[in-house]
Amino acid sequence: MALSRRTSNSRFTWIEAEGLESKTPEDLSYEPQLAGFDGILVPGGFGKRGIEGMLNAIRYAREKQVPYFGICLGMQTACIEFARNVCGLKDANSSEFDPASQHRIIYKLRELLGVEEMGGTMRLGAWTCVLQEDSLPRALMERQRSASGIAIATSLTASTKRC
């Protein structure tokens, strides 16, 4: 999905990720489909259909300095794109898409190993997360909470899980 800013109204254009796929890294024939947008959003999704097209859109956003927002699968694919094209891990992937990849940078949650149905690997419901005192995520959350005046978390230390 790509976003154009036209006056105060936002306009969204749906672009199928499969239409952005290319046979080689040098094939940039997909780029005209992304040109002219003010931002690119890759939403959540399931399965590996269109993943390579998503990676091309993300690469385009990074290289052309177009604002990018990845939600769920969109954030996972952003990590994969960065690992491949910036860190040089050419076969970087998710264990869900390529379990044989030498550089698996995204793994299923341990409690979901063996769950294979589409959408069955999502964490559902509330999940308490403790942000360590000296961590960047905690500092950013505190800054956002102070700036907005909104209580983002009711408890920062109510769980043994660490982020």
Protein backbone atom coordinates (compact mmCIF):
# COMPACT_ATOMS: atom_id res chain seq x y z
CA MET A 1 0.00 0.00 0.00
CA ALA A 2 1.38 3.42 -0.85
CA LEU A 3 0.23 6.77 0.47
CA SER A 4 0.08 10.14 -1.25
CA ARG A 5 -0.33 13.40 0.62
CA ARG A 6 -2.74 15.65 -1.26
CA THR A 7 -3.96 18.62 0.83
CA SER A 8 -5.44 17.46 4.12
CA ASN A 9 -7.00 14.28 2.75
CA SER A 10 -4.99 11.09 2.60
CA ARG A 11 -5.28 8.86 -0.43
CA PHE A 12 -4.28 5.21 -0.29
CA THR A 13 -3.39 3.12 -3.31
CA TRP A 14 -3.35 -0.66 -2.96
CA ILE A 15 -0.44 -2.26 -4.83
CA GLU A 16 -0.28 -6.06 -4.96
CA ALA A 17 3.12 -7.19 -3.68
CA GLU A 18 3.30 -9.97 -6.28
CA GLY A 19 3.31 -7.27 -8.95
CA LEU A 20 6.51 -5.87 -7.45
CA GLU A 21 8.46 -9.11 -7.66
CA SER A 22 11.52 -9.32 -9.90
CA LYS A 23 13.65 -12.21 -11.15
CA THR A 24 17.01 -10.66 -10.18
CA PRO A 25 18.17 -7.98 -7.72
CA GLU A 26 19.23 -5.86 -10.71
CA ASP A 27 15.69 -5.88 -12.18
CA LEU A 28 14.13 -2.62 -10.99
CA SER A 29 11.17 -2.69 -13.36
CA TYR A 30 8.80 -2.47 -10.38
CA GLU A 31 10.04 1.00 -9.36
CA PRO A 32 7.64 3.07 -11.52
CA GLN A 33 4.72 1.54 -9.57
CA LEU A 34 6.12 3.08 -6.37
CA ALA A 35 7.27 6.44 -7.73
CA GLY A 36 5.43 9.56 -6.64
CA PHE A 37 4.11 8.31 -3.30
CA ASP A 38 4.81 10.12 -0.04
CA GLY A 39 5.05 6.92 1.96
CA ILE A 40 4.87 3.14 1.77
CA LEU A 41 3.03 0.91 4.22
CA VAL A 42 3.35 -2.86 4.27
CA PRO A 43 0.58 -4.26 6.48
CA GLY A 44 0.34 -7.56 8.25
CA GLY A 45 -0.35 -10.71 6.29
CA PHE A 46 0.04 -14.46 6.25
CA GLY A 47 2.09 -16.89 4.22
CA LYS A 48 4.90 -16.20 1.82
CA ARG A 49 2.89 -15.03 -1.20
CA GLY A 50 4.29 -11.67 -2.33
CA ILE A 51 7.17 -11.56 0.15
CA GLU A 52 9.79 -10.81 -2.51
CA GLY A 53 7.63 -7.95 -3.81
CA MET A 54 7.31 -6.57 -0.28
CA LEU A 55 11.09 -6.74 0.05
CA ASN A 56 11.44 -4.78 -3.20
CA ALA A 57 9.04 -2.08 -1.95
CA ILE A 58 10.97 -1.84 1.30
CA ARG A 59 14.30 -1.64 -0.52
CA TYR A 60 12.85 1.11 -2.71
CA ALA A 61 11.68 3.05 0.35
CA ARG A 62 15.05 2.72 2.07
CA GLU A 63 17.14 3.63 -0.96
CA LYS A 64 14.90 6.49 -2.13
CA GLN A 65 14.35 7.72 1.46
CA VAL A 66 10.58 7.35 1.22
CA PRO A 67 8.93 7.04 4.66
CA TYR A 68 8.11 3.42 5.40
CA PHE A 69 5.76 1.87 7.95
CA GLY A 70 5.74 -1.89 8.46
CA ILE A 71 3.02 -3.50 10.55
CA CYS A 72 3.53 -7.06 11.78
CA LEU A 73 4.67 -8.92 8.64
CA GLY A 74 5.69 -5.52 7.23
CA MET A 75 8.16 -5.05 10.10
CA GLN A 76 9.48 -8.59 9.71
CA THR A 77 10.08 -8.06 6.00
CA ALA A 78 11.80 -4.73 6.75
CA CYS A 79 14.24 -6.60 9.00
CA ILE A 80 14.83 -9.21 6.29
CA GLU A 81 15.43 -6.54 3.63
CA PHE A 82 17.93 -4.73 5.85
CA ALA A 83 19.76 -7.95 6.70
CA ARG A 84 20.03 -8.89 3.03
CA ASN A 85 20.86 -5.56 1.43
CA VAL A 86 22.67 -3.62 4.14
CA CYS A 87 24.24 -6.33 6.31
CA GLY A 88 25.13 -8.54 3.35
CA LEU A 89 23.30 -11.67 4.55
CA LYS A 90 22.05 -12.57 1.06
CA ASP A 91 19.84 -15.47 2.15
CA ALA A 92 18.46 -13.78 5.32
CA ASN A 93 14.88 -14.87 5.90
CA SER A 94 12.23 -15.90 8.39
CA SER A 95 12.16 -19.47 9.63
CA GLU A 96 8.50 -19.51 8.49
CA PHE A 97 9.42 -18.74 4.86
CA ASP A 98 12.71 -20.64 4.55
CA PRO A 99 13.59 -22.96 7.44
CA ALA A 100 16.80 -23.95 5.59
CA SER A 101 18.15 -20.40 5.38
CA GLN A 102 21.60 -20.05 6.92
CA HIS A 103 20.60 -16.61 8.23
CA ARG A 104 17.20 -16.99 9.85
CA ILE A 105 16.64 -13.62 11.51
CA ILE A 106 12.92 -14.06 12.33
CA TYR A 107 11.80 -17.11 14.30
CA LYS A 108 8.42 -18.40 15.34
CA LEU A 109 7.58 -18.01 19.00
CA ARG A 110 8.66 -21.15 20.86
CA GLU A 111 5.16 -21.79 22.12
CA LEU A 112 3.91 -21.85 18.51
CA LEU A 113 6.38 -24.36 17.07
CA GLY A 114 4.36 -27.00 15.26
CA VAL A 115 1.46 -24.62 14.60
CA GLU A 116 1.24 -24.33 10.82
CA GLU A 117 -2.24 -23.04 9.91
CA MET A 118 -2.47 -19.53 8.46
CA GLY A 119 -2.81 -17.02 11.25
CA GLY A 120 -2.23 -19.65 13.90
CA THR A 121 1.19 -18.23 14.68
CA MET A 122 -0.12 -14.89 15.91
CA ARG A 123 0.10 -13.92 19.55
CA LEU A 124 -3.45 -13.03 20.53
CA GLY A 125 -4.62 -10.97 23.45
CA ALA A 126 -2.78 -8.99 26.06
CA TRP A 127 0.84 -9.79 26.76
CA THR A 128 2.68 -8.08 29.57
CA CYS A 129 6.17 -6.95 28.68
CA VAL A 130 8.75 -5.52 31.07
CA LEU A 131 10.93 -2.83 29.57
CA GLN A 132 14.28 -2.82 31.33
CA GLU A 133 15.17 0.40 33.19
CA ASP A 134 18.17 1.32 31.03
CA SER A 135 16.77 0.24 27.66
CA LEU A 136 16.06 2.41 24.62
CA PRO A 137 12.47 1.06 24.26
CA ARG A 138 11.73 2.11 27.85
CA ALA A 139 13.21 5.58 27.33
CA LEU A 140 11.18 6.06 24.13
CA MET A 141 7.99 4.86 25.81
CA GLU A 142 8.53 7.19 28.76
CA ARG A 143 9.19 10.12 26.43
CA GLN A 144 6.01 9.39 24.44
CA ARG A 145 3.97 9.03 27.61
CA SER A 146 5.28 12.36 28.94
CA ALA A 147 4.65 14.17 25.65
CA SER A 148 1.13 12.82 25.14
CA GLY A 149 -0.07 12.77 28.72
CA ILE A 150 -1.60 9.36 27.99
CA ALA A 151 -0.99 6.40 30.26
CA ILE A 152 0.53 3.94 27.78
CA ALA A 153 1.26 1.21 30.31
CA THR A 154 -0.33 0.68 33.70
CA SER A 155 2.58 -1.36 34.97
CA LEU A 156 6.13 -1.57 33.71
CA THR A 157 7.22 -4.35 36.03
CA ALA A 158 4.32 -6.79 36.26
CA SER A 159 5.89 -9.67 34.36
CA THR A 160 9.01 -11.77 34.22
CA LYS A 161 9.16 -11.58 30.41
CA ARG A 162 11.89 -9.24 29.17
CA CYS A 163 11.92 -7.02 26.08
